Amino acid sequence: MSTPAITEQSLGKRGSVIVTSSDTGNFAIIVAGPRGATLDAFTCSNKTGASTGLTGALPAGYTSYGNFTSLTVSAGSIEAYNA
């Protein structure tokens, strides 16, 4: 029996990247690091209007789901889980 894709992503089985400046890829989940993060910009194909609500200071552990393809972080770190 195979594991559903969303379960693999949420458990990190597809790997992740720690973003401290900028990175591109195909990410399904982003999580702000233990000291939080400042997200300056991102590209996400399935979030309408999120650029005004998701950018800026994110508290530690803040989690967002979507089709992220680029992230720009100016402070702290974000763990981006591969889709």
Protein backbone atom coordinates (compact mmCIF):
# COMPACT_ATOMS: atom_id res chain seq x y z
CA MET A 1 0.00 0.00 0.00
CA SER A 2 1.44 3.36 -0.99
CA THR A 3 1.51 6.43 1.22
CA PRO A 4 -0.66 9.35 -0.01
CA ALA A 5 1.37 12.31 -1.30
CA ILE A 6 0.08 14.78 1.32
CA THR A 7 1.13 12.42 4.11
CA GLU A 8 4.61 12.06 2.61
CA GLN A 9 4.95 15.84 2.39
CA SER A 10 3.69 16.52 5.90
CA LEU A 11 6.04 13.90 7.34
CA GLY A 12 9.00 15.25 5.39
CA LYS A 13 9.57 12.04 3.42
CA ARG A 14 10.15 14.06 0.24
CA GLY A 15 12.81 16.17 1.93
CA SER A 16 13.04 19.85 2.69
CA VAL A 17 15.25 22.89 2.26
CA ILE A 18 16.19 25.44 4.92
CA VAL A 19 15.85 28.86 3.28
CA THR A 20 17.80 31.75 4.82
CA SER A 21 18.06 34.04 1.78
CA SER A 22 16.34 32.90 -1.41
CA ASP A 23 15.58 29.60 -3.05
CA THR A 24 13.52 28.16 -5.88
CA GLY A 25 11.94 24.76 -6.19
CA ASN A 26 8.58 23.09 -5.88
CA PHE A 27 7.47 23.37 -2.24
CA ALA A 28 4.13 22.26 -0.76
CA ILE A 29 4.57 23.47 2.83
CA ILE A 30 6.58 26.29 4.39
CA VAL A 31 7.26 26.58 8.13
CA ALA A 32 8.95 29.51 9.89
CA GLY A 33 12.02 28.46 11.88
CA PRO A 34 12.47 28.49 15.67
CA ARG A 35 13.22 32.23 15.75
CA GLY A 36 10.57 33.12 13.20
CA ALA A 37 11.30 34.55 9.76
CA THR A 38 10.85 37.62 7.64
CA LEU A 39 9.41 36.59 4.28
CA ASP A 40 10.05 39.36 1.77
CA ALA A 41 8.61 37.74 -1.36
CA PHE A 42 7.30 34.45 -2.66
CA THR A 43 5.67 32.91 -5.70
CA CYS A 44 2.67 30.65 -5.10
CA SER A 45 0.33 29.70 -7.93
CA ASN A 46 -2.70 28.88 -5.79
CA LYS A 47 -2.89 31.71 -3.22
CA THR A 48 -4.97 34.68 -4.31
CA GLY A 49 -4.08 37.92 -2.53
CA ALA A 50 -1.62 36.25 -0.17
CA SER A 51 1.29 38.54 -0.99
CA THR A 52 -0.15 41.22 1.31
CA GLY A 53 -1.01 38.85 4.16
CA LEU A 54 1.83 36.36 4.07
CA THR A 55 4.87 38.60 3.60
CA GLY A 56 6.55 40.26 6.57
CA ALA A 57 7.38 38.92 10.01
CA LEU A 58 6.20 35.35 10.60
CA PRO A 59 6.20 33.88 14.12
CA ALA A 60 8.10 30.67 14.87
CA GLY A 61 6.20 27.65 13.62
CA TYR A 62 3.94 29.58 11.26
CA THR A 63 2.86 27.10 8.57
CA SER A 64 1.37 27.66 5.13
CA TYR A 65 0.38 25.19 2.42
CA GLY A 66 0.41 25.86 -1.32
CA ASN A 67 2.32 25.54 -4.59
CA PHE A 68 5.37 27.63 -3.70
CA THR A 69 8.08 27.96 -6.34
CA SER A 70 10.27 30.73 -4.90
CA LEU A 71 10.94 32.24 -1.47
CA THR A 72 12.95 35.27 -0.38
CA VAL A 73 13.81 35.49 3.33
CA SER A 74 15.66 38.46 4.87
CA ALA A 75 15.79 37.30 8.52
CA GLY A 76 15.45 33.98 10.30
CA SER A 77 14.74 30.82 8.34
CA ILE A 78 11.96 28.92 6.64
CA GLU A 79 11.86 25.17 6.17
CA ALA A 80 10.33 24.48 2.76
CA TYR A 81 9.03 20.93 2.25
CA ASN A 82 9.40 19.49 -1.24
CA ALA A 83 6.18 18.76 -3.13
